[in-house]
Amino acid sequence: MTVACALALTLGMTSCGSVGLVGAVYTGYTEPAAVTSNELGSKVGQASAISVLGVAAAGDAGINKAAKQAGITKVSHVDKKIVSVLGLFTKVTYTVYGE
């Protein structure tokens, strides 16, 4: 019984504040984050941030950073990719498409 309670508590804590799909052991998916009326462009930029143990987080996953990295001035759409292992390591990457 104690193991089951500990597991339930751990799983509940790993999804705290999370929206979307959450896997108990591994989470990995891409979802749309934003869209505009601009046509699909040929440029692609990415920006990421990570979290380790839920204690420390770092990075600039901003759309502006991703757009500047690729020289994009007209954003067509943005995707958000989330990868997490046991809730101990999480990486969020925004991919910006445009011209």
C-alpha atoms as a PDB file:
ATOM      1  CA  MET A   1       0.000   0.000   0.000  1.00  0.00           C
ATOM      2  CA  THR A   2       2.833   2.412   0.827  1.00  0.00           C
ATOM      3  CA  VAL A   3       4.471   1.852  -2.574  1.00  0.00           C
ATOM      4  CA  ALA A   4       1.192   2.559  -4.358  1.00  0.00           C
ATOM      5  CA  CYS A   5       0.725   5.800  -2.399  1.00  0.00           C
ATOM      6  CA  ALA A   6       4.298   6.895  -3.111  1.00  0.00           C
ATOM      7  CA  LEU A   7       3.857   6.150  -6.817  1.00  0.00           C
ATOM      8  CA  ALA A   8       0.570   8.077  -6.954  1.00  0.00           C
ATOM      9  CA  LEU A   9       2.171  11.044  -5.172  1.00  0.00           C
ATOM     10  CA  THR A  10       5.186  10.995  -7.498  1.00  0.00           C
ATOM     11  CA  LEU A  11       3.048  10.822 -10.627  1.00  0.00           C
ATOM     12  CA  GLY A  12       0.854  13.627  -9.366  1.00  0.00           C
ATOM     13  CA  MET A  13       3.866  15.836  -8.679  1.00  0.00           C
ATOM     14  CA  THR A  14       5.433  15.279 -12.102  1.00  0.00           C
ATOM     15  CA  SER A  15       2.369  16.623 -13.876  1.00  0.00           C
ATOM     16  CA  CYS A  16       1.915  19.629 -11.596  1.00  0.00           C
ATOM     17  CA  GLY A  17       1.075  22.702 -13.633  1.00  0.00           C
ATOM     18  CA  SER A  18       1.225  20.741 -16.855  1.00  0.00           C
ATOM     19  CA  VAL A  19      -1.292  21.035 -19.646  1.00  0.00           C
ATOM     20  CA  GLY A  20      -1.540  18.422 -22.370  1.00  0.00           C
ATOM     21  CA  LEU A  21      -0.391  14.831 -22.535  1.00  0.00           C
ATOM     22  CA  VAL A  22       1.621  13.431 -19.638  1.00  0.00           C
ATOM     23  CA  GLY A  23       3.216   9.992 -19.556  1.00  0.00           C
ATOM     24  CA  ALA A  24       4.259   8.512 -16.212  1.00  0.00           C
ATOM     25  CA  VAL A  25       7.642   7.353 -17.506  1.00  0.00           C
ATOM     26  CA  TYR A  26       8.151   9.179 -20.810  1.00  0.00           C
ATOM     27  CA  THR A  27       6.399  12.040 -22.545  1.00  0.00           C
ATOM     28  CA  GLY A  28       7.269  13.070 -26.082  1.00  0.00           C
ATOM     29  CA  TYR A  29       4.970  14.933 -28.433  1.00  0.00           C
ATOM     30  CA  THR A  30       4.588  18.018 -30.606  1.00  0.00           C
ATOM     31  CA  GLU A  31       1.553  20.284 -30.576  1.00  0.00           C
ATOM     32  CA  PRO A  32       0.583  23.517 -32.306  1.00  0.00           C
ATOM     33  CA  ALA A  33       1.341  26.625 -30.255  1.00  0.00           C
ATOM     34  CA  ALA A  34       0.335  29.506 -32.547  1.00  0.00           C
ATOM     35  CA  VAL A  35      -0.760  30.276 -36.090  1.00  0.00           C
ATOM     36  CA  THR A  36      -1.074  33.427 -38.182  1.00  0.00           C
ATOM     37  CA  SER A  37      -2.552  34.257 -41.571  1.00  0.00           C
ATOM     38  CA  ASN A  38       0.951  34.503 -43.104  1.00  0.00           C
ATOM     39  CA  GLU A  39       1.883  31.909 -45.730  1.00  0.00           C
ATOM     40  CA  LEU A  40       4.168  29.017 -44.828  1.00  0.00           C
ATOM     41  CA  GLY A  41       7.758  30.148 -45.245  1.00  0.00           C
ATOM     42  CA  SER A  42      10.998  28.361 -45.984  1.00  0.00           C
ATOM     43  CA  LYS A  43      12.787  29.392 -42.772  1.00  0.00           C
ATOM     44  CA  VAL A  44      12.712  27.440 -39.515  1.00  0.00           C
ATOM     45  CA  GLY A  45      14.073  28.520 -36.136  1.00  0.00           C
ATOM     46  CA  GLN A  46      14.147  26.755 -32.767  1.00  0.00           C
ATOM     47  CA  ALA A  47      14.569  27.789 -29.153  1.00  0.00           C
ATOM     48  CA  SER A  48      14.615  25.501 -26.098  1.00  0.00           C
ATOM     49  CA  ALA A  49      14.603  25.443 -22.322  1.00  0.00           C
ATOM     50  CA  ILE A  50      15.203  22.556 -19.915  1.00  0.00           C
ATOM     51  CA  SER A  51      14.271  21.606 -16.381  1.00  0.00           C
ATOM     52  CA  VAL A  52      16.257  19.168 -14.257  1.00  0.00           C
ATOM     53  CA  LEU A  53      14.696  17.415 -11.274  1.00  0.00           C
ATOM     54  CA  GLY A  54      12.023  20.102 -11.196  1.00  0.00           C
ATOM     55  CA  VAL A  55      14.537  22.099  -9.160  1.00  0.00           C
ATOM     56  CA  ALA A  56      16.489  24.026 -11.790  1.00  0.00           C
ATOM     57  CA  ALA A  57      15.347  25.341 -15.147  1.00  0.00           C
ATOM     58  CA  ALA A  58      17.263  27.293 -17.785  1.00  0.00           C
ATOM     59  CA  GLY A  59      17.065  28.447 -21.364  1.00  0.00           C
ATOM     60  CA  ASP A  60      15.242  30.846 -23.619  1.00  0.00           C
ATOM     61  CA  ALA A  61      12.436  29.040 -25.401  1.00  0.00           C
ATOM     62  CA  GLY A  62      10.911  32.271 -26.628  1.00  0.00           C
ATOM     63  CA  ILE A  63       9.281  32.586 -30.020  1.00  0.00           C
ATOM     64  CA  ASN A  64      11.219  35.811 -30.577  1.00  0.00           C
ATOM     65  CA  LYS A  65      14.540  34.032 -30.015  1.00  0.00           C
ATOM     66  CA  ALA A  66      13.612  31.236 -32.423  1.00  0.00           C
ATOM     67  CA  ALA A  67      12.493  33.722 -35.074  1.00  0.00           C
ATOM     68  CA  LYS A  68      15.669  35.823 -34.752  1.00  0.00           C
ATOM     69  CA  GLN A  69      17.839  32.683 -34.888  1.00  0.00           C
ATOM     70  CA  ALA A  70      16.418  31.899 -38.338  1.00  0.00           C
ATOM     71  CA  GLY A  71      16.037  35.454 -39.587  1.00  0.00           C
ATOM     72  CA  ILE A  72      12.250  35.207 -39.613  1.00  0.00           C
ATOM     73  CA  THR A  73      10.318  38.480 -39.735  1.00  0.00           C
ATOM     74  CA  LYS A  74       6.919  37.046 -40.745  1.00  0.00           C
ATOM     75  CA  VAL A  75       5.870  34.082 -38.589  1.00  0.00           C
ATOM     76  CA  SER A  76       3.417  31.636 -40.177  1.00  0.00           C
ATOM     77  CA  HIS A  77       3.055  29.184 -37.287  1.00  0.00           C
ATOM     78  CA  VAL A  78       4.747  27.807 -34.176  1.00  0.00           C
ATOM     79  CA  ASP A  79       4.982  24.239 -32.872  1.00  0.00           C
ATOM     80  CA  LYS A  80       5.806  23.238 -29.298  1.00  0.00           C
ATOM     81  CA  LYS A  81       7.685  19.987 -28.627  1.00  0.00           C
ATOM     82  CA  ILE A  82       7.823  18.509 -25.141  1.00  0.00           C
ATOM     83  CA  VAL A  83      10.101  15.688 -24.040  1.00  0.00           C
ATOM     84  CA  SER A  84      10.146  14.500 -20.432  1.00  0.00           C
ATOM     85  CA  VAL A  85      11.642  11.466 -18.715  1.00  0.00           C
ATOM     86  CA  LEU A  86      10.110  10.528 -15.366  1.00  0.00           C
ATOM     87  CA  GLY A  87       9.451  14.206 -14.787  1.00  0.00           C
ATOM     88  CA  LEU A  88      13.115  14.442 -13.796  1.00  0.00           C
ATOM     89  CA  PHE A  89      14.314  15.913 -17.083  1.00  0.00           C
ATOM     90  CA  THR A  90      12.089  18.019 -19.304  1.00  0.00           C
ATOM     91  CA  LYS A  91      12.915  19.889 -22.495  1.00  0.00           C
ATOM     92  CA  VAL A  92      10.529  22.277 -24.236  1.00  0.00           C
ATOM     93  CA  THR A  93      11.349  23.434 -27.770  1.00  0.00           C
ATOM     94  CA  TYR A  94       9.458  25.985 -29.841  1.00  0.00           C
ATOM     95  CA  THR A  95       9.860  25.704 -33.612  1.00  0.00           C
ATOM     96  CA  VAL A  96       8.956  28.829 -35.565  1.00  0.00           C
ATOM     97  CA  TYR A  97       8.175  28.719 -39.304  1.00  0.00           C
ATOM     98  CA  GLY A  98       8.038  31.722 -41.607  1.00  0.00           C
ATOM     99  CA  GLU A  99       9.882  34.158 -43.859  1.00  0.00           C
END
